Amino acid sequence: MLPFTWCTHADGSEIGVQEKIDGGPSALFDAVAILLDEDGAEKLSGMHEARVWVADAFAHKKFILYNDGARALLKAAGLPESPDGGMFALGDTDCDRFVETCGRLRFWERDA
């Protein structure tokens, strides 16, 4: 197990994390969930590492769950405005459906 790094949540509580956006590439994960508020998405949109992380997840055909707040980051990373079948908008789908679909490992139908 990797050593934990701590970050602070907006409410002041500490959260243990094992990777950072500029240290844990999306290739390490089978699927990704990008759940942000609009401020967080704007900040990450200006961060090269965050844009590359999201673009790589898409290029590697990962299943992606995202919320409305994350749209600015998805756009900044160059993802299509119309999601493909491997992208799940939270609210349009439930998490159980996303997790079940992740069993396929990749969205192989995604164009390179």
N, C-alpha and C. Protein backbone atom coordinates (compact mmCIF):
# COMPACT_ATOMS: atom_id res chain seq x y z
N MET A 1 0.84 -1.18 0.00
CA MET A 1 0.00 0.00 0.00
C MET A 1 0.89 1.25 0.00
N LEU A 2 0.50 2.22 -0.76
CA LEU A 2 1.26 3.46 -0.84
C LEU A 2 1.05 4.31 0.41
N PRO A 3 2.04 5.11 0.78
CA PRO A 3 1.83 6.01 1.92
C PRO A 3 0.80 7.07 1.57
N PHE A 4 0.04 7.46 2.56
CA PHE A 4 -1.00 8.45 2.35
C PHE A 4 -0.45 9.86 2.35
N THR A 5 -1.04 10.70 1.54
CA THR A 5 -0.86 12.13 1.57
C THR A 5 -2.18 12.67 2.11
N TRP A 6 -2.15 13.78 2.78
CA TRP A 6 -3.38 14.33 3.32
C TRP A 6 -3.73 15.62 2.61
N CYS A 7 -4.98 15.80 2.32
CA CYS A 7 -5.46 17.07 1.79
C CYS A 7 -6.63 17.51 2.66
N THR A 8 -6.98 18.75 2.56
CA THR A 8 -8.03 19.30 3.40
C THR A 8 -9.29 19.53 2.58
N HIS A 9 -10.40 19.00 3.06
CA HIS A 9 -11.71 19.16 2.44
C HIS A 9 -12.20 20.58 2.72
N ALA A 10 -13.15 21.05 1.95
CA ALA A 10 -13.69 22.40 2.14
C ALA A 10 -14.24 22.63 3.54
N ASP A 11 -14.72 21.56 4.18
CA ASP A 11 -15.26 21.72 5.54
C ASP A 11 -14.18 21.67 6.62
N GLY A 12 -12.91 21.54 6.20
CA GLY A 12 -11.80 21.54 7.15
C GLY A 12 -11.33 20.16 7.55
N SER A 13 -12.09 19.12 7.22
CA SER A 13 -11.67 17.77 7.57
C SER A 13 -10.54 17.31 6.64
N GLU A 14 -9.73 16.38 7.13
CA GLU A 14 -8.63 15.86 6.33
C GLU A 14 -9.04 14.60 5.60
N ILE A 15 -8.53 14.44 4.40
CA ILE A 15 -8.83 13.29 3.56
C ILE A 15 -7.50 12.65 3.19
N GLY A 16 -7.38 11.34 3.41
CA GLY A 16 -6.18 10.62 3.01
C GLY A 16 -6.27 10.22 1.55
N VAL A 17 -5.23 10.49 0.80
CA VAL A 17 -5.20 10.14 -0.62
C VAL A 17 -3.90 9.40 -0.92
N GLN A 18 -3.95 8.51 -1.90
CA GLN A 18 -2.77 7.74 -2.25
C GLN A 18 -2.08 8.26 -3.51
N GLU A 19 -2.73 9.09 -4.26
CA GLU A 19 -2.16 9.62 -5.50
C GLU A 19 -2.53 11.08 -5.63
N LYS A 20 -1.73 11.80 -6.42
CA LYS A 20 -2.02 13.18 -6.77
C LYS A 20 -2.21 13.24 -8.27
N ILE A 21 -2.87 14.26 -8.73
CA ILE A 21 -3.17 14.39 -10.16
C ILE A 21 -1.88 14.41 -10.99
N ASP A 22 -0.80 14.93 -10.42
CA ASP A 22 0.46 14.98 -11.17
C ASP A 22 1.40 13.85 -10.79
N GLY A 23 0.89 12.83 -10.08
CA GLY A 23 1.75 11.74 -9.68
C GLY A 23 1.18 10.37 -9.95
N GLY A 24 -0.11 10.27 -10.13
CA GLY A 24 -0.78 8.98 -10.38
C GLY A 24 -1.51 9.02 -11.70
N PRO A 25 -0.88 8.59 -12.78
CA PRO A 25 -1.52 8.67 -14.10
C PRO A 25 -2.80 7.86 -14.17
N SER A 26 -3.70 8.27 -15.03
CA SER A 26 -4.99 7.58 -15.17
C SER A 26 -4.80 6.13 -15.62
N ALA A 27 -3.65 5.82 -16.20
CA ALA A 27 -3.38 4.45 -16.62
C ALA A 27 -3.39 3.46 -15.45
N LEU A 28 -3.23 3.96 -14.24
CA LEU A 28 -3.24 3.10 -13.05
C LEU A 28 -4.64 2.62 -12.67
N PHE A 29 -5.66 3.22 -13.26
CA PHE A 29 -7.03 2.97 -12.84
C PHE A 29 -7.83 2.33 -13.98
N ASP A 30 -8.76 1.44 -13.61
CA ASP A 30 -9.60 0.78 -14.62
C ASP A 30 -10.69 1.69 -15.14
N ALA A 31 -11.17 2.60 -14.32
CA ALA A 31 -12.22 3.55 -14.69
C ALA A 31 -11.99 4.80 -13.85
N VAL A 32 -12.62 5.90 -14.24
CA VAL A 32 -12.43 7.13 -13.48
C VAL A 32 -13.77 7.81 -13.23
N ALA A 33 -13.84 8.49 -12.09
CA ALA A 33 -14.99 9.33 -11.75
C ALA A 33 -14.45 10.74 -11.56
N ILE A 34 -15.00 11.66 -12.30
CA ILE A 34 -14.57 13.06 -12.23
C ILE A 34 -15.74 13.84 -11.66
N LEU A 35 -15.69 14.07 -10.37
CA LEU A 35 -16.79 14.69 -9.64
C LEU A 35 -16.28 15.97 -9.00
N LEU A 36 -16.63 17.09 -9.58
CA LEU A 36 -16.10 18.38 -9.16
C LEU A 36 -17.20 19.42 -9.05
N ASP A 37 -16.93 20.46 -8.29
CA ASP A 37 -17.80 21.62 -8.38
C ASP A 37 -17.22 22.52 -9.47
N GLU A 38 -17.94 23.54 -9.87
CA GLU A 38 -17.49 24.38 -10.98
C GLU A 38 -16.17 25.08 -10.68
N ASP A 39 -15.97 25.53 -9.44
CA ASP A 39 -14.70 26.17 -9.08
C ASP A 39 -13.53 25.21 -9.21
N GLY A 40 -13.72 23.99 -8.72
CA GLY A 40 -12.66 22.98 -8.83
C GLY A 40 -12.34 22.65 -10.27
N ALA A 41 -13.36 22.54 -11.10
CA ALA A 41 -13.16 22.24 -12.52
C ALA A 41 -12.41 23.38 -13.21
N GLU A 42 -12.75 24.61 -12.87
CA GLU A 42 -12.04 25.76 -13.46
C GLU A 42 -10.57 25.75 -13.07
N LYS A 43 -10.29 25.47 -11.80
CA LYS A 43 -8.90 25.43 -11.34
C LYS A 43 -8.13 24.32 -12.05
N LEU A 44 -8.72 23.14 -12.12
CA LEU A 44 -8.04 22.02 -12.76
C LEU A 44 -7.92 22.22 -14.27
N SER A 45 -8.84 22.95 -14.87
CA SER A 45 -8.78 23.23 -16.31
C SER A 45 -7.52 24.02 -16.67
N GLY A 46 -7.04 24.80 -15.73
CA GLY A 46 -5.81 25.58 -15.95
C GLY A 46 -4.54 24.81 -15.63
N MET A 47 -4.68 23.57 -15.21
CA MET A 47 -3.53 22.75 -14.81
C MET A 47 -3.24 21.72 -15.89
N HIS A 48 -2.09 21.83 -16.51
CA HIS A 48 -1.70 20.95 -17.61
C HIS A 48 -1.84 19.47 -17.23
N GLU A 49 -1.35 19.11 -16.05
CA GLU A 49 -1.38 17.71 -15.62
C GLU A 49 -2.81 17.17 -15.53
N ALA A 50 -3.73 18.00 -15.08
CA ALA A 50 -5.13 17.57 -14.96
C ALA A 50 -5.75 17.35 -16.34
N ARG A 51 -5.48 18.26 -17.25
CA ARG A 51 -6.01 18.11 -18.61
C ARG A 51 -5.47 16.84 -19.27
N VAL A 52 -4.17 16.59 -19.11
CA VAL A 52 -3.56 15.40 -19.70
C VAL A 52 -4.11 14.13 -19.05
N TRP A 53 -4.32 14.17 -17.74
CA TRP A 53 -4.84 13.02 -17.01
C TRP A 53 -6.20 12.62 -17.58
N VAL A 54 -7.08 13.59 -17.77
CA VAL A 54 -8.42 13.31 -18.30
C VAL A 54 -8.34 12.88 -19.76
N ALA A 55 -7.53 13.56 -20.56
CA ALA A 55 -7.38 13.19 -21.97
C ALA A 55 -6.83 11.78 -22.11
N ASP A 56 -5.87 11.41 -21.26
CA ASP A 56 -5.32 10.05 -21.30
C ASP A 56 -6.36 9.01 -20.92
N ALA A 57 -7.15 9.30 -19.90
CA ALA A 57 -8.21 8.36 -19.50
C ALA A 57 -9.15 8.11 -20.68
N PHE A 58 -9.50 9.16 -21.39
CA PHE A 58 -10.37 9.02 -22.56
C PHE A 58 -9.66 8.23 -23.66
N ALA A 59 -8.41 8.59 -23.95
CA ALA A 59 -7.65 7.92 -25.01
C ALA A 59 -7.43 6.44 -24.71
N HIS A 60 -7.31 6.11 -23.44
CA HIS A 60 -7.10 4.72 -23.05
C HIS A 60 -8.41 3.94 -22.90
N LYS A 61 -9.48 4.56 -23.38
CA LYS A 61 -10.80 3.93 -23.45
C LYS A 61 -11.37 3.57 -22.08
N LYS A 62 -11.03 4.36 -21.07
CA LYS A 62 -11.57 4.13 -19.73
C LYS A 62 -13.03 4.54 -19.70
N PHE A 63 -13.80 3.88 -18.85
CA PHE A 63 -15.15 4.34 -18.58
C PHE A 63 -15.02 5.55 -17.66
N ILE A 64 -15.81 6.58 -17.94
CA ILE A 64 -15.71 7.85 -17.22
C ILE A 64 -17.07 8.24 -16.68
N LEU A 65 -17.14 8.43 -15.37
CA LEU A 65 -18.33 8.98 -14.72
C LEU A 65 -18.00 10.43 -14.39
N TYR A 66 -18.91 11.34 -14.70
CA TYR A 66 -18.66 12.75 -14.44
C TYR A 66 -19.96 13.42 -13.99
N ASN A 67 -19.81 14.54 -13.32
CA ASN A 67 -20.99 15.33 -12.94
C ASN A 67 -20.98 16.63 -13.73
N ASP A 68 -22.06 17.40 -13.60
CA ASP A 68 -22.17 18.65 -14.35
C ASP A 68 -21.02 19.61 -14.03
N GLY A 69 -20.59 19.64 -12.78
CA GLY A 69 -19.51 20.54 -12.40
C GLY A 69 -18.20 20.27 -13.11
N ALA A 70 -18.00 19.05 -13.57
CA ALA A 70 -16.74 18.66 -14.21
C ALA A 70 -16.67 19.03 -15.69
N ARG A 71 -17.73 19.52 -16.25
CA ARG A 71 -17.78 19.78 -17.71
C ARG A 71 -16.67 20.70 -18.22
N ALA A 72 -16.29 21.71 -17.44
CA ALA A 72 -15.23 22.62 -17.89
C ALA A 72 -13.90 21.88 -18.05
N LEU A 73 -13.62 20.97 -17.14
CA LEU A 73 -12.38 20.19 -17.24
C LEU A 73 -12.44 19.23 -18.42
N LEU A 74 -13.58 18.59 -18.64
CA LEU A 74 -13.72 17.69 -19.79
C LEU A 74 -13.49 18.45 -21.09
N LYS A 75 -14.05 19.64 -21.17
CA LYS A 75 -13.88 20.46 -22.37
C LYS A 75 -12.42 20.88 -22.53
N ALA A 76 -11.78 21.32 -21.44
CA ALA A 76 -10.39 21.76 -21.50
C ALA A 76 -9.46 20.60 -21.90
N ALA A 77 -9.85 19.38 -21.55
CA ALA A 77 -9.05 18.20 -21.89
C ALA A 77 -9.29 17.73 -23.32
N GLY A 78 -10.24 18.36 -24.01
CA GLY A 78 -10.50 18.03 -25.41
C GLY A 78 -11.47 16.89 -25.61
N LEU A 79 -12.22 16.51 -24.57
CA LEU A 79 -13.20 15.45 -24.73
C LEU A 79 -14.39 15.97 -25.53
N PRO A 80 -15.09 15.10 -26.24
CA PRO A 80 -16.21 15.55 -27.07
C PRO A 80 -17.35 16.11 -26.20
N GLU A 81 -18.04 17.12 -26.74
CA GLU A 81 -19.17 17.69 -26.02
C GLU A 81 -20.32 16.71 -25.90
N SER A 82 -20.48 15.87 -26.92
CA SER A 82 -21.49 14.82 -26.87
C SER A 82 -20.81 13.55 -26.37
N PRO A 83 -21.14 13.10 -25.17
CA PRO A 83 -20.46 11.93 -24.61
C PRO A 83 -20.73 10.67 -25.42
N ASP A 84 -19.73 9.79 -25.44
CA ASP A 84 -19.92 8.51 -26.12
C ASP A 84 -20.47 7.50 -25.11
N GLY A 85 -20.64 6.28 -25.53
CA GLY A 85 -21.23 5.26 -24.68
C GLY A 85 -20.38 4.83 -23.50
N GLY A 86 -19.15 5.31 -23.43
CA GLY A 86 -18.28 4.99 -22.31
C GLY A 86 -18.22 6.10 -21.27
N MET A 87 -19.01 7.15 -21.50
CA MET A 87 -19.05 8.28 -20.58
C MET A 87 -20.43 8.33 -19.93
N PHE A 88 -20.46 8.50 -18.63
CA PHE A 88 -21.70 8.48 -17.88
C PHE A 88 -21.87 9.77 -17.09
N ALA A 89 -22.94 10.49 -17.39
CA ALA A 89 -23.24 11.71 -16.65
C ALA A 89 -23.99 11.34 -15.38
N LEU A 90 -23.44 11.73 -14.24
CA LEU A 90 -24.12 11.48 -12.98
C LEU A 90 -25.43 12.25 -13.01
N GLY A 91 -26.49 11.59 -12.69
CA GLY A 91 -27.82 12.20 -12.79
C GLY A 91 -28.60 11.59 -13.94
N ASP A 92 -27.88 11.28 -15.04
CA ASP A 92 -28.51 10.58 -16.16
C ASP A 92 -28.41 9.08 -15.97
N THR A 93 -27.53 8.65 -15.11
CA THR A 93 -27.32 7.23 -14.83
C THR A 93 -27.10 7.07 -13.33
N ASP A 94 -27.26 5.88 -12.85
CA ASP A 94 -26.96 5.67 -11.44
C ASP A 94 -25.58 5.01 -11.32
N CYS A 95 -25.00 5.10 -10.16
CA CYS A 95 -23.65 4.58 -9.94
C CYS A 95 -23.60 3.07 -10.12
N ASP A 96 -24.67 2.36 -9.78
CA ASP A 96 -24.68 0.91 -9.95
C ASP A 96 -24.51 0.53 -11.42
N ARG A 97 -25.16 1.25 -12.31
CA ARG A 97 -25.03 0.97 -13.75
C ARG A 97 -23.61 1.24 -14.21
N PHE A 98 -23.01 2.33 -13.74
CA PHE A 98 -21.63 2.65 -14.09
C PHE A 98 -20.69 1.53 -13.62
N VAL A 99 -20.81 1.13 -12.37
CA VAL A 99 -19.93 0.09 -11.82
C VAL A 99 -20.12 -1.23 -12.57
N GLU A 100 -21.36 -1.58 -12.87
CA GLU A 100 -21.62 -2.80 -13.62
C GLU A 100 -20.97 -2.75 -15.00
N THR A 101 -21.07 -1.63 -15.67
CA THR A 101 -20.49 -1.47 -17.01
C THR A 101 -18.96 -1.54 -16.95
N CYS A 102 -18.38 -1.08 -15.86
CA CYS A 102 -16.91 -1.11 -15.72
C CYS A 102 -16.36 -2.52 -15.78
N GLY A 103 -17.20 -3.53 -15.55
CA GLY A 103 -16.77 -4.92 -15.65
C GLY A 103 -16.27 -5.27 -17.05
N ARG A 104 -16.64 -4.48 -18.04
CA ARG A 104 -16.15 -4.69 -19.41
C ARG A 104 -14.72 -4.20 -19.58
N LEU A 105 -14.19 -3.50 -18.59
CA LEU A 105 -12.84 -2.96 -18.50
C LEU A 105 -12.56 -1.75 -19.38
N ARG A 106 -12.97 -1.77 -20.60
CA ARG A 106 -12.72 -0.63 -21.49
C ARG A 106 -13.91 -0.44 -22.42
N PHE A 107 -14.04 0.80 -22.93
CA PHE A 107 -15.03 1.09 -23.96
C PHE A 107 -14.31 0.99 -25.30
N TRP A 108 -14.17 -0.24 -25.76
CA TRP A 108 -13.37 -0.51 -26.95
C TRP A 108 -13.92 0.17 -28.20
N GLU A 109 -15.19 0.53 -28.20
CA GLU A 109 -15.79 1.16 -29.37
C GLU A 109 -15.32 2.59 -29.58
N ARG A 110 -14.68 3.18 -28.58
CA ARG A 110 -14.24 4.59 -28.68
C ARG A 110 -13.18 4.70 -29.76
N ASP A 111 -13.37 5.67 -30.64
CA ASP A 111 -12.39 5.94 -31.69
C ASP A 111 -11.12 6.48 -31.09
N ALA A 112 -10.00 6.15 -31.72
CA ALA A 112 -8.70 6.64 -31.25
C ALA A 112 -8.59 8.12 -31.47
